[in-house]
Amino acid sequence: MGQHSCCNQQKVKRGLWSPEEDEKLIRFITTHGYGCWSEVPEKAGLQRCGKSCRLRWINYLRPDIRRGKFTPEEEKLIINLHNVVGNKLVFC
């Protein structure tokens, strides 16, 4: 995999996100929302790539992300759906 063009044009930080960077991203998105992810790092005061900001938000920082174990009802639903569908990919 290559790098994004934005990563080549400017100095971007790579590696682990600091708590301060997480806070800047959370504060910016909760205040302004998100639209064009390539503009978010500059407006939020981050030296990150827009893709990195998007992935950090979607996979780790969104307030509606649930972490932890499945409920017993969810486990039953997963097992039932697997019995019906199996391992097939289903496109709607």
PDB file of N, CA and C in Angstrom:
ATOM      1  N   MET A   1       0.832  -1.170   0.000  1.00  0.00           N
ATOM      2  CA  MET A   1       0.000   0.000   0.000  1.00  0.00           C
ATOM      3  C   MET A   1       0.881   1.239   0.000  1.00  0.00           C
ATOM      4  N   GLY A   2       0.478   2.216  -0.749  1.00  0.00           N
ATOM      5  CA  GLY A   2       1.220   3.466  -0.838  1.00  0.00           C
ATOM      6  C   GLY A   2       0.677   4.498   0.127  1.00  0.00           C
ATOM      7  N   GLN A   3       1.237   5.677   0.008  1.00  0.00           N
ATOM      8  CA  GLN A   3       0.798   6.766   0.852  1.00  0.00           C
ATOM      9  C   GLN A   3      -0.186   7.639   0.091  1.00  0.00           C
ATOM     10  N   HIS A   4      -1.014   8.322   0.822  1.00  0.00           N
ATOM     11  CA  HIS A   4      -1.920   9.277   0.208  1.00  0.00           C
ATOM     12  C   HIS A   4      -1.132  10.477  -0.291  1.00  0.00           C
ATOM     13  N   SER A   5      -1.651  11.127  -1.301  1.00  0.00           N
ATOM     14  CA  SER A   5      -0.963  12.291  -1.848  1.00  0.00           C
ATOM     15  C   SER A   5      -0.832  13.403  -0.817  1.00  0.00           C
ATOM     16  N   CYS A   6      -1.812  13.530   0.079  1.00  0.00           N
ATOM     17  CA  CYS A   6      -1.721  14.575   1.099  1.00  0.00           C
ATOM     18  C   CYS A   6      -0.566  14.307   2.060  1.00  0.00           C
ATOM     19  N   CYS A   7      -0.234  13.042   2.261  1.00  0.00           N
ATOM     20  CA  CYS A   7       0.868  12.699   3.153  1.00  0.00           C
ATOM     21  C   CYS A   7       2.212  13.076   2.543  1.00  0.00           C
ATOM     22  N   ASN A   8       2.279  13.088   1.216  1.00  0.00           N
ATOM     23  CA  ASN A   8       3.516  13.440   0.547  1.00  0.00           C
ATOM     24  C   ASN A   8       3.705  14.953   0.447  1.00  0.00           C
ATOM     25  N   GLN A   9       2.618  15.708   0.444  1.00  0.00           N
ATOM     26  CA  GLN A   9       2.686  17.143   0.236  1.00  0.00           C
ATOM     27  C   GLN A   9       2.984  17.918   1.519  1.00  0.00           C
ATOM     28  N   GLN A  10       2.722  17.358   2.634  1.00  0.00           N
ATOM     29  CA  GLN A  10       2.921  18.059   3.895  1.00  0.00           C
ATOM     30  C   GLN A  10       3.518  17.112   4.918  1.00  0.00           C
ATOM     31  N   LYS A  11       4.101  17.704   5.966  1.00  0.00           N
ATOM     32  CA  LYS A  11       4.626  16.864   7.036  1.00  0.00           C
ATOM     33  C   LYS A  11       3.466  16.417   7.908  1.00  0.00           C
ATOM     34  N   VAL A  12       3.252  15.116   7.945  1.00  0.00           N
ATOM     35  CA  VAL A  12       2.189  14.583   8.787  1.00  0.00           C
ATOM     36  C   VAL A  12       2.796  13.662   9.828  1.00  0.00           C
ATOM     37  N   LYS A  13       2.189  13.673  10.973  1.00  0.00           N
ATOM     38  CA  LYS A  13       2.616  12.812  12.060  1.00  0.00           C
ATOM     39  C   LYS A  13       2.080  11.410  11.798  1.00  0.00           C
ATOM     40  N   ARG A  14       2.860  10.429  12.130  1.00  0.00           N
ATOM     41  CA  ARG A  14       2.435   9.040  11.973  1.00  0.00           C
ATOM     42  C   ARG A  14       2.557   8.323  13.306  1.00  0.00           C
ATOM     43  N   GLY A  15       1.976   7.170  13.376  1.00  0.00           N
ATOM     44  CA  GLY A  15       2.088   6.371  14.596  1.00  0.00           C
ATOM     45  C   GLY A  15       0.929   6.603  15.538  1.00  0.00           C
ATOM     46  N   LEU A  16       1.169   6.299  16.794  1.00  0.00           N
ATOM     47  CA  LEU A  16       0.120   6.358  17.811  1.00  0.00           C
ATOM     48  C   LEU A  16      -0.411   7.772  17.998  1.00  0.00           C
ATOM     49  N   TRP A  17      -1.690   7.844  18.269  1.00  0.00           N
ATOM     50  CA  TRP A  17      -2.325   9.123  18.570  1.00  0.00           C
ATOM     51  C   TRP A  17      -2.154   9.427  20.050  1.00  0.00           C
ATOM     52  N   SER A  18      -1.872  10.680  20.364  1.00  0.00           N
ATOM     53  CA  SER A  18      -1.763  11.087  21.766  1.00  0.00           C
ATOM     54  C   SER A  18      -3.157  11.454  22.294  1.00  0.00           C
ATOM     55  N   PRO A  19      -3.330  11.437  23.602  1.00  0.00           N
ATOM     56  CA  PRO A  19      -4.618  11.873  24.164  1.00  0.00           C
ATOM     57  C   PRO A  19      -4.968  13.317  23.768  1.00  0.00           C
ATOM     58  N   GLU A  20      -3.950  14.166  23.638  1.00  0.00           N
ATOM     59  CA  GLU A  20      -4.193  15.556  23.240  1.00  0.00           C
ATOM     60  C   GLU A  20      -4.738  15.626  21.816  1.00  0.00           C
ATOM     61  N   GLU A  21      -4.192  14.800  20.916  1.00  0.00           N
ATOM     62  CA  GLU A  21      -4.688  14.767  19.542  1.00  0.00           C
ATOM     63  C   GLU A  21      -6.121  14.243  19.505  1.00  0.00           C
ATOM     64  N   ASP A  22      -6.392  13.193  20.277  1.00  0.00           N
ATOM     65  CA  ASP A  22      -7.757  12.665  20.351  1.00  0.00           C
ATOM     66  C   ASP A  22      -8.721  13.760  20.805  1.00  0.00           C
ATOM     67  N   GLU A  23      -8.334  14.510  21.822  1.00  0.00           N
ATOM     68  CA  GLU A  23      -9.186  15.568  22.354  1.00  0.00           C
ATOM     69  C   GLU A  23      -9.429  16.655  21.308  1.00  0.00           C
ATOM     70  N   LYS A  24      -8.398  17.038  20.569  1.00  0.00           N
ATOM     71  CA  LYS A  24      -8.563  18.044  19.514  1.00  0.00           C
ATOM     72  C   LYS A  24      -9.554  17.564  18.453  1.00  0.00           C
ATOM     73  N   LEU A  25      -9.426  16.300  18.045  1.00  0.00           N
ATOM     74  CA  LEU A  25     -10.316  15.758  17.020  1.00  0.00           C
ATOM     75  C   LEU A  25     -11.750  15.669  17.543  1.00  0.00           C
ATOM     76  N   ILE A  26     -11.923  15.176  18.757  1.00  0.00           N
ATOM     77  CA  ILE A  26     -13.257  15.078  19.358  1.00  0.00           C
ATOM     78  C   ILE A  26     -13.885  16.460  19.467  1.00  0.00           C
ATOM     79  N   ARG A  27     -13.127  17.424  19.975  1.00  0.00           N
ATOM     80  CA  ARG A  27     -13.643  18.777  20.157  1.00  0.00           C
ATOM     81  C   ARG A  27     -14.063  19.387  18.817  1.00  0.00           C
ATOM     82  N   PHE A  28     -13.224  19.210  17.797  1.00  0.00           N
ATOM     83  CA  PHE A  28     -13.540  19.792  16.495  1.00  0.00           C
ATOM     84  C   PHE A  28     -14.812  19.169  15.911  1.00  0.00           C
ATOM     85  N   ILE A  29     -14.888  17.839  15.921  1.00  0.00           N
ATOM     86  CA  ILE A  29     -16.020  17.175  15.277  1.00  0.00           C
ATOM     87  C   ILE A  29     -17.317  17.410  16.049  1.00  0.00           C
ATOM     88  N   THR A  30     -17.261  17.431  17.368  1.00  0.00           N
ATOM     89  CA  THR A  30     -18.494  17.687  18.121  1.00  0.00           C
ATOM     90  C   THR A  30     -18.957  19.130  17.953  1.00  0.00           C
ATOM     91  N   THR A  31     -18.031  20.041  17.701  1.00  0.00           N
ATOM     92  CA  THR A  31     -18.390  21.448  17.501  1.00  0.00           C
ATOM     93  C   THR A  31     -18.831  21.730  16.074  1.00  0.00           C
ATOM     94  N   HIS A  32     -18.052  21.249  15.106  1.00  0.00           N
ATOM     95  CA  HIS A  32     -18.268  21.608  13.706  1.00  0.00           C
ATOM     96  C   HIS A  32     -18.821  20.480  12.840  1.00  0.00           C
ATOM     97  N   GLY A  33     -18.797  19.268  13.335  1.00  0.00           N
ATOM     98  CA  GLY A  33     -19.177  18.134  12.498  1.00  0.00           C
ATOM     99  C   GLY A  33     -18.049  17.810  11.531  1.00  0.00           C
ATOM    100  N   TYR A  34     -18.335  16.937  10.601  1.00  0.00           N
ATOM    101  CA  TYR A  34     -17.331  16.601   9.604  1.00  0.00           C
ATOM    102  C   TYR A  34     -17.979  16.662   8.244  1.00  0.00           C
ATOM    103  N   GLY A  35     -17.217  17.005   7.282  1.00  0.00           N
ATOM    104  CA  GLY A  35     -17.698  17.072   5.905  1.00  0.00           C
ATOM    105  C   GLY A  35     -16.602  16.531   5.010  1.00  0.00           C
ATOM    106  N   CYS A  36     -15.655  17.372   4.733  1.00  0.00           N
ATOM    107  CA  CYS A  36     -14.518  16.980   3.915  1.00  0.00           C
ATOM    108  C   CYS A  36     -13.377  16.602   4.854  1.00  0.00           C
ATOM    109  N   TRP A  37     -13.096  15.311   4.928  1.00  0.00           N
ATOM    110  CA  TRP A  37     -12.094  14.833   5.884  1.00  0.00           C
ATOM    111  C   TRP A  37     -10.707  15.384   5.598  1.00  0.00           C
ATOM    112  N   SER A  38     -10.416  15.727   4.359  1.00  0.00           N
ATOM    113  CA  SER A  38      -9.084  16.261   4.053  1.00  0.00           C
ATOM    114  C   SER A  38      -8.886  17.650   4.651  1.00  0.00           C
ATOM    115  N   GLU A  39      -9.971  18.339   5.006  1.00  0.00           N
ATOM    116  CA  GLU A  39      -9.869  19.658   5.621  1.00  0.00           C
ATOM    117  C   GLU A  39      -9.841  19.589   7.149  1.00  0.00           C
ATOM    118  N   VAL A  40     -10.265  18.486   7.717  1.00  0.00           N
ATOM    119  CA  VAL A  40     -10.384  18.364   9.179  1.00  0.00           C
ATOM    120  C   VAL A  40      -9.051  18.557   9.902  1.00  0.00           C
ATOM    121  N   PRO A  41      -7.952  17.922   9.474  1.00  0.00           N
ATOM    122  CA  PRO A  41      -6.715  18.065  10.258  1.00  0.00           C
ATOM    123  C   PRO A  41      -6.254  19.512  10.411  1.00  0.00           C
ATOM    124  N   GLU A  42      -6.274  20.262   9.324  1.00  0.00           N
ATOM    125  CA  GLU A  42      -5.812  21.645   9.397  1.00  0.00           C
ATOM    126  C   GLU A  42      -6.730  22.480  10.281  1.00  0.00           C
ATOM    127  N   LYS A  43      -8.030  22.332  10.098  1.00  0.00           N
ATOM    128  CA  LYS A  43      -8.992  23.114  10.876  1.00  0.00           C
ATOM    129  C   LYS A  43      -8.991  22.724  12.346  1.00  0.00           C
ATOM    130  N   ALA A  44      -8.662  21.462  12.640  1.00  0.00           N
ATOM    131  CA  ALA A  44      -8.644  20.996  14.029  1.00  0.00           C
ATOM    132  C   ALA A  44      -7.295  21.227  14.693  1.00  0.00           C
ATOM    133  N   GLY A  45      -6.306  21.671  13.923  1.00  0.00           N
ATOM    134  CA  GLY A  45      -4.980  21.902  14.487  1.00  0.00           C
ATOM    135  C   GLY A  45      -4.174  20.635  14.662  1.00  0.00           C
ATOM    136  N   LEU A  46      -4.365  19.679  13.758  1.00  0.00           N
ATOM    137  CA  LEU A  46      -3.647  18.409  13.836  1.00  0.00           C
ATOM    138  C   LEU A  46      -2.683  18.273  12.671  1.00  0.00           C
ATOM    139  N   GLN A  47      -1.560  17.649  12.915  1.00  0.00           N
ATOM    140  CA  GLN A  47      -0.617  17.360  11.841  1.00  0.00           C
ATOM    141  C   GLN A  47      -0.794  15.906  11.414  1.00  0.00           C
ATOM    142  N   ARG A  48      -1.995  15.595  10.988  1.00  0.00           N
ATOM    143  CA  ARG A  48      -2.344  14.247  10.554  1.00  0.00           C
ATOM    144  C   ARG A  48      -2.956  14.313   9.170  1.00  0.00           C
ATOM    145  N   CYS A  49      -3.018  13.180   8.532  1.00  0.00           N
ATOM    146  CA  CYS A  49      -3.672  13.040   7.240  1.00  0.00           C
ATOM    147  C   CYS A  49      -5.190  12.987   7.478  1.00  0.00           C
ATOM    148  N   GLY A  50      -5.960  13.452   6.518  1.00  0.00           N
ATOM    149  CA  GLY A  50      -7.415  13.392   6.640  1.00  0.00           C
ATOM    150  C   GLY A  50      -7.916  11.974   6.798  1.00  0.00           C
ATOM    151  N   LYS A  51      -7.276  11.042   6.093  1.00  0.00           N
ATOM    152  CA  LYS A  51      -7.681   9.638   6.200  1.00  0.00           C
ATOM    153  C   LYS A  51      -7.442   9.124   7.619  1.00  0.00           C
ATOM    154  N   SER A  52      -6.330   9.518   8.204  1.00  0.00           N
ATOM    155  CA  SER A  52      -6.012   9.094   9.562  1.00  0.00           C
ATOM    156  C   SER A  52      -7.051   9.630  10.547  1.00  0.00           C
ATOM    157  N   CYS A  53      -7.462  10.892  10.365  1.00  0.00           N
ATOM    158  CA  CYS A  53      -8.494  11.479  11.225  1.00  0.00           C
ATOM    159  C   CYS A  53      -9.811  10.745  11.063  1.00  0.00           C
ATOM    160  N   ARG A  54     -10.177  10.450   9.821  1.00  0.00           N
ATOM    161  CA  ARG A  54     -11.439   9.753   9.558  1.00  0.00           C
ATOM    162  C   ARG A  54     -11.442   8.375  10.217  1.00  0.00           C
ATOM    163  N   LEU A  55     -10.377   7.628  10.036  1.00  0.00           N
ATOM    164  CA  LEU A  55     -10.309   6.287  10.612  1.00  0.00           C
ATOM    165  C   LEU A  55     -10.282   6.324  12.133  1.00  0.00           C
ATOM    166  N   ARG A  56      -9.581   7.295  12.695  1.00  0.00           N
ATOM    167  CA  ARG A  56      -9.528   7.414  14.156  1.00  0.00           C
ATOM    168  C   ARG A  56     -10.925   7.686  14.704  1.00  0.00           C
ATOM    169  N   TRP A  57     -11.657   8.582  14.054  1.00  0.00           N
ATOM    170  CA  TRP A  57     -13.005   8.911  14.502  1.00  0.00           C
ATOM    171  C   TRP A  57     -13.935   7.713  14.361  1.00  0.00           C
ATOM    172  N   ILE A  58     -13.950   7.115  13.183  1.00  0.00           N
ATOM    173  CA  ILE A  58     -14.901   6.040  12.899  1.00  0.00           C
ATOM    174  C   ILE A  58     -14.636   4.803  13.754  1.00  0.00           C
ATOM    175  N   ASN A  59     -13.376   4.455  13.935  1.00  0.00           N
ATOM    176  CA  ASN A  59     -13.048   3.194  14.603  1.00  0.00           C
ATOM    177  C   ASN A  59     -12.824   3.291  16.108  1.00  0.00           C
ATOM    178  N   TYR A  60     -12.552   4.501  16.633  1.00  0.00           N
ATOM    179  CA  TYR A  60     -12.193   4.586  18.052  1.00  0.00           C
ATOM    180  C   TYR A  60     -12.906   5.659  18.854  1.00  0.00           C
ATOM    181  N   LEU A  61     -13.199   6.807  18.257  1.00  0.00           N
ATOM    182  CA  LEU A  61     -13.628   7.952  19.053  1.00  0.00           C
ATOM    183  C   LEU A  61     -15.117   8.266  19.000  1.00  0.00           C
ATOM    184  N   ARG A  62     -15.834   7.711  18.044  1.00  0.00           N
ATOM    185  CA  ARG A  62     -17.271   8.003  17.955  1.00  0.00           C
ATOM    186  C   ARG A  62     -17.963   7.660  19.265  1.00  0.00           C
ATOM    187  N   PRO A  63     -18.852   8.528  19.731  1.00  0.00           N
ATOM    188  CA  PRO A  63     -19.513   8.246  21.012  1.00  0.00           C
ATOM    189  C   PRO A  63     -20.482   7.068  20.965  1.00  0.00           C
ATOM    190  N   ASP A  64     -20.950   6.680  19.780  1.00  0.00           N
ATOM    191  CA  ASP A  64     -21.921   5.583  19.701  1.00  0.00           C
ATOM    192  C   ASP A  64     -21.289   4.210  19.512  1.00  0.00           C
ATOM    193  N   ILE A  65     -19.975   4.120  19.612  1.00  0.00           N
ATOM    194  CA  ILE A  65     -19.312   2.817  19.487  1.00  0.00           C
ATOM    195  C   ILE A  65     -19.512   2.037  20.784  1.00  0.00           C
ATOM    196  N   ARG A  66     -19.983   0.814  20.626  1.00  0.00           N
ATOM    197  CA  ARG A  66     -20.139  -0.062  21.787  1.00  0.00           C
ATOM    198  C   ARG A  66     -18.943  -0.995  21.860  1.00  0.00           C
ATOM    199  N   ARG A  67     -18.401  -1.135  23.022  1.00  0.00           N
ATOM    200  CA  ARG A  67     -17.284  -2.056  23.224  1.00  0.00           C
ATOM    201  C   ARG A  67     -17.699  -3.065  24.279  1.00  0.00           C
ATOM    202  N   GLY A  68     -17.103  -4.229  24.212  1.00  0.00           N
ATOM    203  CA  GLY A  68     -17.408  -5.225  25.227  1.00  0.00           C
ATOM    204  C   GLY A  68     -18.115  -6.423  24.641  1.00  0.00           C
ATOM    205  N   LYS A  69     -18.682  -7.211  25.530  1.00  0.00           N
ATOM    206  CA  LYS A  69     -19.312  -8.469  25.132  1.00  0.00           C
ATOM    207  C   LYS A  69     -20.684  -8.236  24.508  1.00  0.00           C
ATOM    208  N   PHE A  70     -21.105  -9.230  23.700  1.00  0.00           N
ATOM    209  CA  PHE A  70     -22.456  -9.237  23.159  1.00  0.00           C
ATOM    210  C   PHE A  70     -23.423  -9.622  24.271  1.00  0.00           C
ATOM    211  N   THR A  71     -24.634  -9.102  24.174  1.00  0.00           N
ATOM    212  CA  THR A  71     -25.673  -9.516  25.121  1.00  0.00           C
ATOM    213  C   THR A  71     -26.111 -10.932  24.737  1.00  0.00           C
ATOM    214  N   PRO A  72     -26.762 -11.667  25.663  1.00  0.00           N
ATOM    215  CA  PRO A  72     -27.255 -13.011  25.305  1.00  0.00           C
ATOM    216  C   PRO A  72     -28.203 -12.982  24.100  1.00  0.00           C
ATOM    217  N   GLU A  73     -29.031 -11.938  23.996  1.00  0.00           N
ATOM    218  CA  GLU A  73     -29.949 -11.822  22.859  1.00  0.00           C
ATOM    219  C   GLU A  73     -29.175 -11.648  21.549  1.00  0.00           C
ATOM    220  N   GLU A  74     -28.112 -10.842  21.580  1.00  0.00           N
ATOM    221  CA  GLU A  74     -27.289 -10.640  20.390  1.00  0.00           C
ATOM    222  C   GLU A  74     -26.589 -11.932  19.978  1.00  0.00           C
ATOM    223  N   GLU A  75     -26.103 -12.684  20.970  1.00  0.00           N
ATOM    224  CA  GLU A  75     -25.450 -13.959  20.664  1.00  0.00           C
ATOM    225  C   GLU A  75     -26.420 -14.910  19.985  1.00  0.00           C
ATOM    226  N   LYS A  76     -27.649 -14.991  20.488  1.00  0.00           N
ATOM    227  CA  LYS A  76     -28.664 -15.863  19.875  1.00  0.00           C
ATOM    228  C   LYS A  76     -28.972 -15.427  18.454  1.00  0.00           C
ATOM    229  N   LEU A  77     -29.085 -14.128  18.246  1.00  0.00           N
ATOM    230  CA  LEU A  77     -29.365 -13.603  16.909  1.00  0.00           C
ATOM    231  C   LEU A  77     -28.231 -13.954  15.943  1.00  0.00           C
ATOM    232  N   ILE A  78     -27.000 -13.790  16.377  1.00  0.00           N
ATOM    233  CA  ILE A  78     -25.857 -14.119  15.529  1.00  0.00           C
ATOM    234  C   ILE A  78     -25.862 -15.599  15.166  1.00  0.00           C
ATOM    235  N   ILE A  79     -26.093 -16.455  16.131  1.00  0.00           N
ATOM    236  CA  ILE A  79     -26.117 -17.901  15.881  1.00  0.00           C
ATOM    237  C   ILE A  79     -27.253 -18.267  14.937  1.00  0.00           C
ATOM    238  N   ASN A  80     -28.431 -17.696  15.155  1.00  0.00           N
ATOM    239  CA  ASN A  80     -29.570 -17.973  14.270  1.00  0.00           C
ATOM    240  C   ASN A  80     -29.300 -17.497  12.846  1.00  0.00           C
ATOM    241  N   LEU A  81     -28.779 -16.308  12.708  1.00  0.00           N
ATOM    242  CA  LEU A  81     -28.475 -15.795  11.369  1.00  0.00           C
ATOM    243  C   LEU A  81     -27.397 -16.623  10.690  1.00  0.00           C
ATOM    244  N   HIS A  82     -26.425 -17.097  11.444  1.00  0.00           N
ATOM    245  CA  HIS A  82     -25.380 -17.939  10.859  1.00  0.00           C
ATOM    246  C   HIS A  82     -25.962 -19.260  10.395  1.00  0.00           C
ATOM    247  N   ASN A  83     -26.914 -19.800  11.143  1.00  0.00           N
ATOM    248  CA  ASN A  83     -27.575 -21.041  10.726  1.00  0.00           C
ATOM    249  C   ASN A  83     -28.345 -20.853   9.426  1.00  0.00           C
ATOM    250  N   VAL A  84     -28.935 -19.677   9.252  1.00  0.00           N
ATOM    251  CA  VAL A  84     -29.717 -19.394   8.054  1.00  0.00           C
ATOM    252  C   VAL A  84     -28.823 -19.041   6.868  1.00  0.00           C
ATOM    253  N   VAL A  85     -27.883 -18.144   7.077  1.00  0.00           N
ATOM    254  CA  VAL A  85     -27.079 -17.589   5.985  1.00  0.00           C
ATOM    255  C   VAL A  85     -25.728 -18.291   5.853  1.00  0.00           C
ATOM    256  N   GLY A  86     -25.184 -18.746   6.948  1.00  0.00           N
ATOM    257  CA  GLY A  86     -23.854 -19.348   6.918  1.00  0.00           C
ATOM    258  C   GLY A  86     -22.779 -18.280   6.809  1.00  0.00           C
ATOM    259  N   ASN A  87     -21.697 -18.607   6.118  1.00  0.00           N
ATOM    260  CA  ASN A  87     -20.582 -17.665   5.983  1.00  0.00           C
ATOM    261  C   ASN A  87     -20.665 -16.847   4.717  1.00  0.00           C
ATOM    262  N   LYS A  88     -21.789 -16.915   4.005  1.00  0.00           N
ATOM    263  CA  LYS A  88     -21.923 -16.185   2.748  1.00  0.00           C
ATOM    264  C   LYS A  88     -21.959 -14.694   2.986  1.00  0.00           C
ATOM    265  N   LEU A  89     -21.389 -13.943   2.045  1.00  0.00           N
ATOM    266  CA  LEU A  89     -21.533 -12.503   2.047  1.00  0.00           C
ATOM    267  C   LEU A  89     -22.867 -12.168   1.414  1.00  0.00           C
ATOM    268  N   VAL A  90     -23.607 -11.326   2.056  1.00  0.00           N
ATOM    269  CA  VAL A  90     -24.919 -10.953   1.550  1.00  0.00           C
ATOM    270  C   VAL A  90     -24.884  -9.470   1.226  1.00  0.00           C
ATOM    271  N   PHE A  91     -25.212  -9.132  -0.012  1.00  0.00           N
ATOM    272  CA  PHE A  91     -25.268  -7.744  -0.435  1.00  0.00           C
ATOM    273  C   PHE A  91     -26.720  -7.334  -0.590  1.00  0.00           C
ATOM    274  N   CYS A  92     -27.070  -6.239   0.010  1.00  0.00           N
ATOM    275  CA  CYS A  92     -28.458  -5.750  -0.076  1.00  0.00           C
ATOM    276  C   CYS A  92     -28.612  -4.751  -1.196  1.00  0.00           C
TER     277      CYS A  92
END
